[in-house]
């Protein structure tokens, strides 16, 4: 592991005034060991740390930087917005323009409400589902992360009908009594719960393509069961597309899959790198949100003009110059190269990829849910992470996070990554 003294010093300083030295836990590198890098600047597909090192960035600020860093159109839009005032606490036309872009892109969304984070979006979607249906129970799936909402910070119980148990101190058990945690891709378990409690279930929230246990795709049968059972029992299907929205297709994972949820949560890309979230759905559902209806939700910085301007510029670029076919070509090139490198090194692995999202798991077991994801060798991943870092490739600092491509990446960047991985895999074999 290379020495990065400036980052080490910065981390020591940060820990004196910030819990754990970071403002979001994954950044502390707890899953891979060592000292986190402190970033000085970013440009295109690259990050530059305060020790002067340059890295090819496969995190993209955990998803939003689909156009790479400092895209000229986004920078120009943000400068103009800031010069006009950074926050009004009153409506502005940028909110409507971005809402129109989202509604135009996603057929299941007729109206949208902006918030300031993905966590706010999922929290508000859950509240809306309960307010619309008049029911309390929410189903989520082990391994799917929906932000740090009290009622969703739960892990799986011992059976399909077990209520969620909080997995963070500070979350009272009562907050999760109405959350049921099921196994992803388990049609039988889902069916059992609806048979037993269908008239009490307000909604099901799910990452339609999971990025928070590493990349995991849903089976066709599972998706069909989700839609069929929710409709049959009058529950709402909530797609958490904070990560996948505008990432896997312009209309998100639901466009790629051909699905139509009742409510969708957005974030990341729709803010172009600025703090933002949103939730939307059919007009009859969204009109339950105050002031149109009785379900309360508010936020001082919701619809912030700087974030709206960045989001508009980003979505317009994606709409005008769709990168998705190109992404799939680059992703296929990367997948083939990394698979060959791991096989040649004799390293047991799985490579899960959809378009420009991917995860290299260090396990011989196909990864289809949280249990199989946990068979991965996390210590080996930690060694791989640092070997790649020392070769100028910045990967997510956890085995259980998806990696992303961005539009400035080229075949040469992909080949650079494959070459670095080939060396790294030989080292950790």
Protein backbone atom coordinates (compact mmCIF):
# COMPACT_ATOMS: atom_id res chain seq x y z
CA UNK A 1 0.00 0.00 0.00
CA UNK A 2 1.57 3.28 -1.10
CA UNK A 3 2.25 6.04 1.40
CA UNK A 4 -0.06 9.05 1.17
CA UNK A 5 1.16 11.28 4.02
CA UNK A 6 -0.97 14.33 3.27
CA UNK A 7 -4.19 12.29 3.32
CA UNK A 8 -3.10 10.60 6.55
CA UNK A 9 -2.45 14.00 8.16
CA UNK A 10 -5.78 15.36 6.90
CA UNK A 11 -7.60 12.33 8.31
CA UNK A 12 -5.99 12.83 11.74
CA UNK A 13 -7.10 16.46 11.70
CA UNK A 14 -10.65 15.58 10.60
CA UNK A 15 -11.12 12.96 13.32
CA UNK A 16 -10.70 15.65 15.98
CA UNK A 17 -13.79 17.54 14.87
CA UNK A 18 -15.85 15.09 12.70
CA UNK A 19 -17.08 11.70 14.01
CA UNK A 20 -14.75 9.10 12.49
CA UNK A 21 -13.19 11.84 10.38
CA UNK A 22 -15.85 11.58 7.65
CA UNK A 23 -19.38 12.78 6.94
CA UNK A 24 -20.62 9.45 5.55
CA UNK A 25 -19.41 6.10 6.94
CA UNK A 26 -18.26 4.41 3.70
CA UNK A 27 -15.69 7.14 3.16
CA UNK A 28 -13.70 5.99 6.20
CA UNK A 29 -12.46 2.90 4.29
CA UNK A 30 -13.54 0.64 7.15
CA UNK A 31 -14.35 -2.19 4.72
CA UNK A 32 -10.89 -2.15 3.08
CA UNK A 33 -8.62 -0.83 5.84
CA UNK A 34 -6.11 1.95 5.61
CA UNK A 35 -6.55 5.70 5.49
CA UNK A 36 -9.10 7.33 3.19
CA UNK A 37 -7.86 9.58 0.44
CA UNK A 38 -8.63 13.28 0.68
CA UNK A 39 -9.49 14.68 -2.72
CA UNK A 40 -8.17 18.02 -3.95
CA UNK A 41 -10.05 18.23 -7.24
CA UNK A 42 -11.70 16.24 -10.02
CA UNK A 43 -11.88 16.53 -13.78
CA UNK A 44 -13.55 14.34 -16.41
CA UNK A 45 -13.04 10.69 -15.39
CA UNK A 46 -10.31 11.50 -12.85
CA UNK A 47 -9.85 12.29 -9.17
CA UNK A 48 -6.71 13.95 -7.79
CA UNK A 49 -5.78 13.52 -4.12
CA UNK A 50 -3.93 16.00 -1.92
CA UNK A 51 -0.75 13.95 -2.28
CA UNK A 52 -0.73 14.66 -6.02
CA UNK A 53 -1.92 11.24 -7.19
CA UNK A 54 -4.31 10.81 -10.14
CA UNK A 55 -6.99 8.11 -10.22
CA UNK A 56 -9.45 6.83 -12.81
CA UNK A 57 -12.73 7.24 -10.93
CA UNK A 58 -15.24 4.36 -10.94
CA UNK A 59 -17.28 5.81 -8.06
CA UNK A 60 -18.45 9.07 -9.59
CA UNK A 61 -19.44 10.45 -6.16
CA UNK A 62 -21.39 7.19 -5.66
CA UNK A 63 -23.34 7.56 -8.88
CA UNK A 64 -24.34 11.11 -9.82
CA UNK A 65 -21.35 12.03 -11.99
CA UNK A 66 -22.55 10.19 -15.10
CA UNK A 67 -21.10 12.97 -17.28
CA UNK A 68 -17.82 12.90 -15.40
CA UNK A 69 -16.53 15.73 -13.24
CA UNK A 70 -16.79 19.39 -14.25
CA UNK A 71 -18.81 18.84 -17.41
CA UNK A 72 -18.81 22.25 -19.15
CA UNK A 73 -22.59 22.47 -19.54
CA UNK A 74 -23.17 21.68 -15.87
CA UNK A 75 -20.46 24.10 -14.71
CA UNK A 76 -21.93 26.90 -16.82
CA UNK A 77 -25.46 26.23 -15.57
CA UNK A 78 -24.31 26.24 -11.94
CA UNK A 79 -22.33 29.47 -12.29
CA UNK A 80 -25.33 31.21 -13.82
CA UNK A 81 -27.63 29.90 -11.07
CA UNK A 82 -25.30 30.98 -8.26
CA UNK A 83 -24.97 34.45 -9.77
CA UNK A 84 -28.75 34.72 -9.63
CA UNK A 85 -28.92 33.67 -5.97
CA UNK A 86 -28.25 30.34 -4.30
CA UNK A 87 -31.56 29.87 -2.47
CA UNK A 88 -34.89 31.70 -2.46
CA UNK A 89 -37.25 29.86 -0.14
CA UNK A 90 -39.83 30.51 -2.85
CA UNK A 91 -40.81 28.83 -6.13
CA UNK A 92 -38.65 29.27 -9.22
CA UNK A 93 -39.16 28.12 -12.81
CA UNK A 94 -36.11 25.84 -12.71
CA UNK A 95 -38.10 23.49 -10.46
CA UNK A 96 -40.85 23.18 -13.04
CA UNK A 97 -38.37 22.71 -15.90
CA UNK A 98 -36.58 19.84 -14.15
CA UNK A 99 -39.93 18.30 -13.13
CA UNK A 100 -41.06 18.40 -16.76
CA UNK A 101 -37.86 16.63 -17.85
CA UNK A 102 -38.40 13.87 -15.25
CA UNK A 103 -42.10 13.42 -16.14
CA UNK A 104 -41.24 13.32 -19.85
CA UNK A 105 -38.54 10.68 -19.28
CA UNK A 106 -40.41 8.31 -16.95
CA UNK A 107 -43.92 7.23 -18.08
CA UNK A 108 -44.96 6.01 -14.61
CA UNK A 109 -44.38 9.51 -13.19
CA UNK A 110 -47.06 12.15 -13.83
CA UNK A 111 -46.06 14.49 -11.01
CA UNK A 112 -42.87 14.88 -8.98
CA UNK A 113 -41.86 16.56 -5.70
CA UNK A 114 -38.24 17.60 -5.11
CA UNK A 115 -36.39 17.13 -1.83
CA UNK A 116 -32.72 17.46 -0.86
CA UNK A 117 -31.48 13.86 -0.62
CA UNK A 118 -32.21 10.27 -1.59
CA UNK A 119 -33.02 9.49 2.04
CA UNK A 120 -35.69 12.21 2.05
CA UNK A 121 -37.07 10.82 -1.20
CA UNK A 122 -37.53 7.26 0.08
CA UNK A 123 -38.77 8.43 3.48
CA UNK A 124 -41.38 10.62 1.78
CA UNK A 125 -42.37 7.85 -0.64
CA UNK A 126 -43.01 5.52 2.29
CA UNK A 127 -45.10 8.13 4.08
CA UNK A 128 -47.08 8.77 0.91
CA UNK A 129 -47.75 5.06 0.38
CA UNK A 130 -49.10 4.78 3.91
CA UNK A 131 -51.14 7.96 3.58
CA UNK A 132 -52.62 6.91 0.23
CA UNK A 133 -53.55 3.37 1.28
CA UNK A 134 -54.39 3.99 4.93
CA UNK A 135 -52.20 0.99 5.84
CA UNK A 136 -49.03 0.64 7.90
CA UNK A 137 -46.90 -2.32 6.76
CA UNK A 138 -43.96 -1.80 4.42
CA UNK A 139 -41.94 -4.59 2.79
CA UNK A 140 -38.27 -4.14 2.01
CA UNK A 141 -35.58 -6.63 0.97
CA UNK A 142 -32.38 -7.66 2.71
CA UNK A 143 -29.40 -6.03 1.04
CA UNK A 144 -31.38 -3.14 -0.44
CA UNK A 145 -30.45 0.22 1.08
CA UNK A 146 -32.91 3.10 1.02
CA UNK A 147 -31.10 5.75 3.01
CA UNK A 148 -30.86 6.20 6.76
CA UNK A 149 -34.61 6.25 7.42
CA UNK A 150 -35.35 4.77 10.87
CA UNK A 151 -38.04 2.39 9.61
CA UNK A 152 -35.80 1.06 6.83
CA UNK A 153 -32.58 0.51 8.83
CA UNK A 154 -33.39 -3.12 9.48
CA UNK A 155 -31.88 -6.51 8.73
CA UNK A 156 -33.63 -9.76 7.84
CA UNK A 157 -35.29 -11.90 10.47
CA UNK A 158 -35.28 -15.68 10.68
CA UNK A 159 -38.41 -16.18 8.58
CA UNK A 160 -40.37 -14.39 5.90
CA UNK A 161 -42.92 -13.08 8.39
CA UNK A 162 -40.42 -11.77 10.96
CA UNK A 163 -40.60 -8.06 11.65
CA UNK A 164 -37.47 -6.05 11.04
CA UNK A 165 -34.95 -5.66 13.87
CA UNK A 166 -33.14 -2.30 13.98
CA UNK A 167 -29.48 -2.59 13.01
CA UNK A 168 -28.43 0.82 14.32
CA UNK A 169 -28.44 2.09 17.90
CA UNK A 170 -30.81 5.01 18.23
CA UNK A 171 -33.56 3.37 16.20
CA UNK A 172 -36.34 2.28 18.60
CA UNK A 173 -37.79 -1.15 17.94
CA UNK A 174 -41.18 0.49 17.48
CA UNK A 175 -39.90 2.31 14.40
CA UNK A 176 -39.40 -0.97 12.60
CA UNK A 177 -42.39 -2.92 13.86
CA UNK A 178 -44.22 -2.13 10.63
CA UNK A 179 -41.33 -3.12 8.36
CA UNK A 180 -41.11 -6.65 6.99
CA UNK A 181 -37.75 -7.74 5.57
CA UNK A 182 -37.77 -10.39 2.84
CA UNK A 183 -35.19 -12.10 0.67
CA UNK A 184 -34.48 -10.51 -2.70
CA UNK A 185 -35.54 -12.66 -5.68
CA UNK A 186 -37.60 -14.94 -3.40
CA UNK A 187 -41.01 -15.31 -5.05
CA UNK A 188 -42.27 -17.87 -2.52
CA UNK A 189 -41.44 -15.69 0.47
CA UNK A 190 -43.07 -12.65 -1.10
CA UNK A 191 -46.20 -14.63 -1.95
CA UNK A 192 -46.41 -16.03 1.58
CA UNK A 193 -46.33 -12.59 3.15
CA UNK A 194 -49.04 -11.20 0.88
CA UNK A 195 -51.23 -14.23 1.53
CA UNK A 196 -50.90 -13.65 5.28
CA UNK A 197 -50.91 -9.85 5.50
CA UNK A 198 -51.96 -8.49 2.09
CA UNK A 199 -54.74 -6.25 3.40
CA UNK A 200 -52.34 -4.54 5.81
CA UNK A 201 -49.45 -3.86 3.40
CA UNK A 202 -49.16 -0.24 2.28
CA UNK A 203 -46.28 -0.77 -0.10
CA UNK A 204 -43.18 -2.60 -1.21
CA UNK A 205 -39.95 -0.63 -1.63
CA UNK A 206 -37.14 -2.10 -3.68
CA UNK A 207 -34.08 -1.20 -5.70
CA UNK A 208 -35.29 -2.58 -9.06
CA UNK A 209 -31.65 -3.33 -9.89
CA UNK A 210 -29.67 -3.44 -6.68
CA UNK A 211 -26.46 -1.51 -6.21
CA UNK A 212 -26.10 -1.65 -2.44
CA UNK A 213 -25.08 -5.29 -2.00
CA UNK A 214 -23.00 -4.99 -5.10
CA UNK A 215 -24.86 -5.18 -8.38
CA UNK A 216 -27.66 -7.77 -8.28
CA UNK A 217 -30.38 -8.13 -10.91
CA UNK A 218 -33.98 -9.23 -10.27
CA UNK A 219 -35.37 -12.31 -11.94
CA UNK A 220 -38.27 -11.92 -14.35
CA UNK A 221 -40.45 -14.09 -12.10
CA UNK A 222 -39.66 -11.94 -9.07
CA UNK A 223 -40.53 -8.70 -10.87
CA UNK A 224 -43.78 -10.18 -12.16
CA UNK A 225 -44.69 -11.35 -8.66
CA UNK A 226 -43.97 -7.91 -7.21
CA UNK A 227 -46.25 -6.17 -9.68
CA UNK A 228 -48.97 -8.80 -9.62
CA UNK A 229 -49.19 -9.16 -5.84
CA UNK A 230 -49.14 -5.42 -5.10
CA UNK A 231 -51.90 -4.79 -7.61
CA UNK A 232 -53.97 -7.72 -6.39
CA UNK A 233 -53.81 -6.61 -2.76
CA UNK A 234 -54.02 -2.84 -3.26
CA UNK A 235 -50.47 -2.08 -2.14
CA UNK A 236 -48.16 0.39 -3.87
CA UNK A 237 -44.94 -0.68 -5.59
CA UNK A 238 -42.13 1.78 -4.88
CA UNK A 239 -38.99 1.71 -7.02
CA UNK A 240 -35.96 3.26 -5.39
CA UNK A 241 -34.16 4.58 -8.45
CA UNK A 242 -31.92 6.97 -6.54
CA UNK A 243 -28.97 5.08 -8.01
CA UNK A 244 -30.41 3.68 -11.27
CA UNK A 245 -32.55 6.62 -12.37
CA UNK A 246 -31.16 8.04 -15.64
CA UNK A 247 -28.15 5.76 -15.12
CA UNK A 248 -29.11 2.51 -16.88
CA UNK A 249 -31.42 4.18 -19.41
CA UNK A 250 -32.80 7.68 -19.75
CA UNK A 251 -36.01 6.41 -18.17
CA UNK A 252 -34.10 4.46 -15.52
CA UNK A 253 -34.19 0.79 -14.61
CA UNK A 254 -37.95 0.70 -15.16
CA UNK A 255 -37.47 1.65 -18.81
CA UNK A 256 -34.80 -0.99 -19.21
CA UNK A 257 -36.97 -3.64 -17.57
CA UNK A 258 -40.30 -2.51 -19.00
CA UNK A 259 -41.83 -2.02 -15.55
CA UNK A 260 -44.32 0.52 -14.20
CA UNK A 261 -44.16 1.12 -10.43
CA UNK A 262 -46.63 3.30 -8.55
CA UNK A 263 -44.04 5.60 -6.92
CA UNK A 264 -40.41 6.20 -7.86
CA UNK A 265 -37.69 7.75 -5.72
CA UNK A 266 -34.90 9.63 -7.50
CA UNK A 267 -31.62 11.27 -6.54
CA UNK A 268 -27.99 11.53 -7.58
CA UNK A 269 -28.04 12.11 -11.37
CA UNK A 270 -31.11 14.39 -11.32
CA UNK A 271 -29.02 16.89 -9.33
CA UNK A 272 -25.93 16.69 -11.54
CA UNK A 273 -23.66 16.29 -8.51
CA UNK A 274 -25.54 18.63 -6.17
CA UNK A 275 -27.69 17.61 -3.17
CA UNK A 276 -31.07 16.55 -4.48
CA UNK A 277 -33.76 13.92 -4.27
CA UNK A 278 -37.28 13.51 -5.64
CA UNK A 279 -40.27 11.21 -5.57
CA UNK A 280 -42.99 10.94 -8.15
CA UNK A 281 -45.84 8.83 -9.43
CA UNK A 282 -49.38 8.92 -10.75
CA UNK A 283 -51.21 12.20 -10.24
CA UNK A 284 -53.88 10.57 -8.06
CA UNK A 285 -51.16 9.45 -5.65
CA UNK A 286 -49.01 12.60 -5.74
CA UNK A 287 -52.03 14.84 -5.17
CA UNK A 288 -52.19 13.42 -1.65
CA UNK A 289 -49.02 15.40 -0.85
CA UNK A 290 -49.51 18.72 0.99
CA UNK A 291 -50.60 21.34 0.00
CA UNK A 292 -52.63 19.47 -2.64
CA UNK A 293 -53.51 16.82 -0.05
CA UNK A 294 -53.06 15.84 3.61
CA UNK A 295 -49.68 14.00 3.57
CA UNK A 296 -47.12 16.38 5.03
CA UNK A 297 -43.65 16.89 3.57
CA UNK A 298 -41.56 20.05 3.44
CA UNK A 299 -37.96 21.25 3.09
CA UNK A 300 -36.23 24.64 3.15
CA UNK A 301 -33.79 23.78 0.36
CA UNK A 302 -36.14 21.58 -1.68
CA UNK A 303 -36.00 22.69 -5.30
CA UNK A 304 -32.80 24.64 -4.65
CA UNK A 305 -32.05 26.61 -7.85
CA UNK A 306 -28.39 25.55 -8.04
CA UNK A 307 -29.25 21.85 -7.84
CA UNK A 308 -32.14 22.32 -10.26
CA UNK A 309 -29.85 24.04 -12.79
CA UNK A 310 -27.25 21.28 -12.53
CA UNK A 311 -29.93 18.62 -12.94
CA UNK A 312 -31.47 20.32 -15.96
CA UNK A 313 -28.09 20.59 -17.68
CA UNK A 314 -27.31 16.94 -16.93
CA UNK A 315 -30.63 15.54 -18.14
CA UNK A 316 -30.58 17.66 -21.29
CA UNK A 317 -27.13 16.34 -22.14
CA UNK A 318 -28.25 12.74 -21.54
CA UNK A 319 -31.36 13.28 -23.65
CA UNK A 320 -29.53 15.00 -26.51
CA UNK A 321 -26.51 12.68 -26.55
CA UNK A 322 -27.67 9.35 -25.07
CA UNK A 323 -24.60 7.45 -23.80
CA UNK A 324 -26.29 4.16 -22.98
CA UNK A 325 -25.35 2.10 -26.04
CA UNK A 326 -21.77 3.29 -25.74
CA UNK A 327 -21.81 2.49 -22.02
CA UNK A 328 -22.92 -1.06 -22.71
CA UNK A 329 -20.10 -1.53 -25.22
CA UNK A 330 -17.50 -0.23 -22.77
CA UNK A 331 -19.05 -2.28 -19.96
CA UNK A 332 -18.89 -5.45 -22.05
CA UNK A 333 -15.23 -4.75 -22.86
CA UNK A 334 -14.46 -4.25 -19.17
CA UNK A 335 -16.39 -7.35 -18.14
CA UNK A 336 -14.63 -9.59 -20.67
CA UNK A 337 -11.22 -8.27 -19.67
CA UNK A 338 -11.73 -8.58 -15.92
CA UNK A 339 -13.23 -12.04 -16.24
CA UNK A 340 -10.21 -13.19 -18.23
CA UNK A 341 -7.79 -11.59 -15.78
CA UNK A 342 -9.44 -13.23 -12.76
CA UNK A 343 -9.62 -16.62 -14.47
CA UNK A 344 -5.97 -16.43 -15.55
CA UNK A 345 -4.97 -15.56 -11.98
CA UNK A 346 -6.98 -18.48 -10.61
CA UNK A 347 -9.19 -16.21 -8.51
CA UNK A 348 -12.76 -17.41 -7.89
CA UNK A 349 -15.11 -14.65 -8.95
CA UNK A 350 -18.48 -13.51 -10.24
CA UNK A 351 -18.93 -10.46 -12.45
CA UNK A 352 -22.38 -8.89 -12.27
CA UNK A 353 -23.05 -6.11 -14.77
CA UNK A 354 -25.98 -4.26 -16.30
CA UNK A 355 -24.96 -1.54 -18.74
CA UNK A 356 -22.52 0.78 -16.99
CA UNK A 357 -23.01 -0.56 -13.45
CA UNK A 358 -20.90 -3.52 -12.30
CA UNK A 359 -19.41 -5.46 -9.40
CA UNK A 360 -16.56 -7.98 -9.32
CA UNK A 361 -17.39 -10.38 -6.47
CA UNK A 362 -14.69 -12.64 -5.04
CA UNK A 363 -16.80 -15.77 -4.65
CA UNK A 364 -17.44 -18.95 -6.66
CA UNK A 365 -21.16 -18.65 -5.85
CA UNK A 366 -23.52 -16.83 -8.26
CA UNK A 367 -24.72 -13.68 -6.50
CA UNK A 368 -28.51 -13.32 -6.64
CA UNK A 369 -29.38 -11.98 -3.16
CA UNK A 370 -27.82 -10.74 0.08
CA UNK A 371 -26.99 -14.21 1.40
CA UNK A 372 -25.02 -15.13 -1.71
CA UNK A 373 -23.38 -11.69 -1.80
CA UNK A 374 -22.09 -12.32 1.72
CA UNK A 375 -20.18 -15.41 0.51
CA UNK A 376 -17.69 -13.01 -1.11
CA UNK A 377 -14.14 -12.87 0.28
CA UNK A 378 -14.10 -9.32 1.65
CA UNK A 379 -10.48 -9.54 2.80
CA UNK A 380 -9.39 -10.43 -0.71
CA UNK A 381 -11.46 -7.53 -2.03
CA UNK A 382 -9.71 -5.17 0.40
CA UNK A 383 -6.32 -6.26 -0.93
CA UNK A 384 -7.56 -5.91 -4.51
CA UNK A 385 -8.90 -2.43 -3.77
CA UNK A 386 -5.52 -1.17 -2.58
CA UNK A 387 -3.60 -2.88 -5.36
CA UNK A 388 -5.87 -1.11 -7.85
CA UNK A 389 -5.55 2.17 -5.99
CA UNK A 390 -1.75 1.92 -6.19
CA UNK A 391 -2.16 1.48 -9.96
CA UNK A 392 -4.30 4.59 -10.33
CA UNK A 393 -7.78 3.03 -10.36
CA UNK A 394 -10.27 4.21 -7.73
CA UNK A 395 -12.94 1.56 -7.04
CA UNK A 396 -15.77 1.62 -4.47
CA UNK A 397 -14.24 0.95 -1.05
CA UNK A 398 -16.53 -2.00 -0.30
CA UNK A 399 -17.23 -5.36 -1.90
CA UNK A 400 -20.92 -4.52 -1.56
CA UNK A 401 -21.08 -1.37 -3.68
CA UNK A 402 -21.59 -1.06 -7.42
CA UNK A 403 -19.06 0.69 -9.64
CA UNK A 404 -20.00 3.08 -12.46
CA UNK A 405 -18.75 4.25 -15.83
CA UNK A 406 -18.96 7.89 -16.95
CA UNK A 407 -19.18 9.44 -20.40
CA UNK A 408 -15.55 10.71 -20.61
CA UNK A 409 -14.25 7.13 -20.31
CA UNK A 410 -12.79 5.56 -23.46
CA UNK A 411 -11.53 2.18 -24.61
CA UNK A 412 -8.07 3.18 -23.45
CA UNK A 413 -9.38 3.83 -19.93
CA UNK A 414 -11.04 0.42 -19.93
CA UNK A 415 -7.86 -1.25 -21.15
CA UNK A 416 -5.85 0.60 -18.51
CA UNK A 417 -8.23 -0.78 -15.87
CA UNK A 418 -7.97 -4.33 -17.21
CA UNK A 419 -4.18 -4.13 -17.26
CA UNK A 420 -4.09 -2.85 -13.68
CA UNK A 421 -6.51 -5.57 -12.58
CA UNK A 422 -4.45 -8.29 -14.25
CA UNK A 423 -1.42 -7.24 -12.15
CA UNK A 424 -3.48 -6.77 -9.01
CA UNK A 425 -5.23 -10.14 -9.28
CA UNK A 426 -1.94 -11.96 -9.65
CA UNK A 427 -0.75 -10.26 -6.47
CA UNK A 428 -3.77 -11.33 -4.40
CA UNK A 429 -4.25 -14.82 -5.89
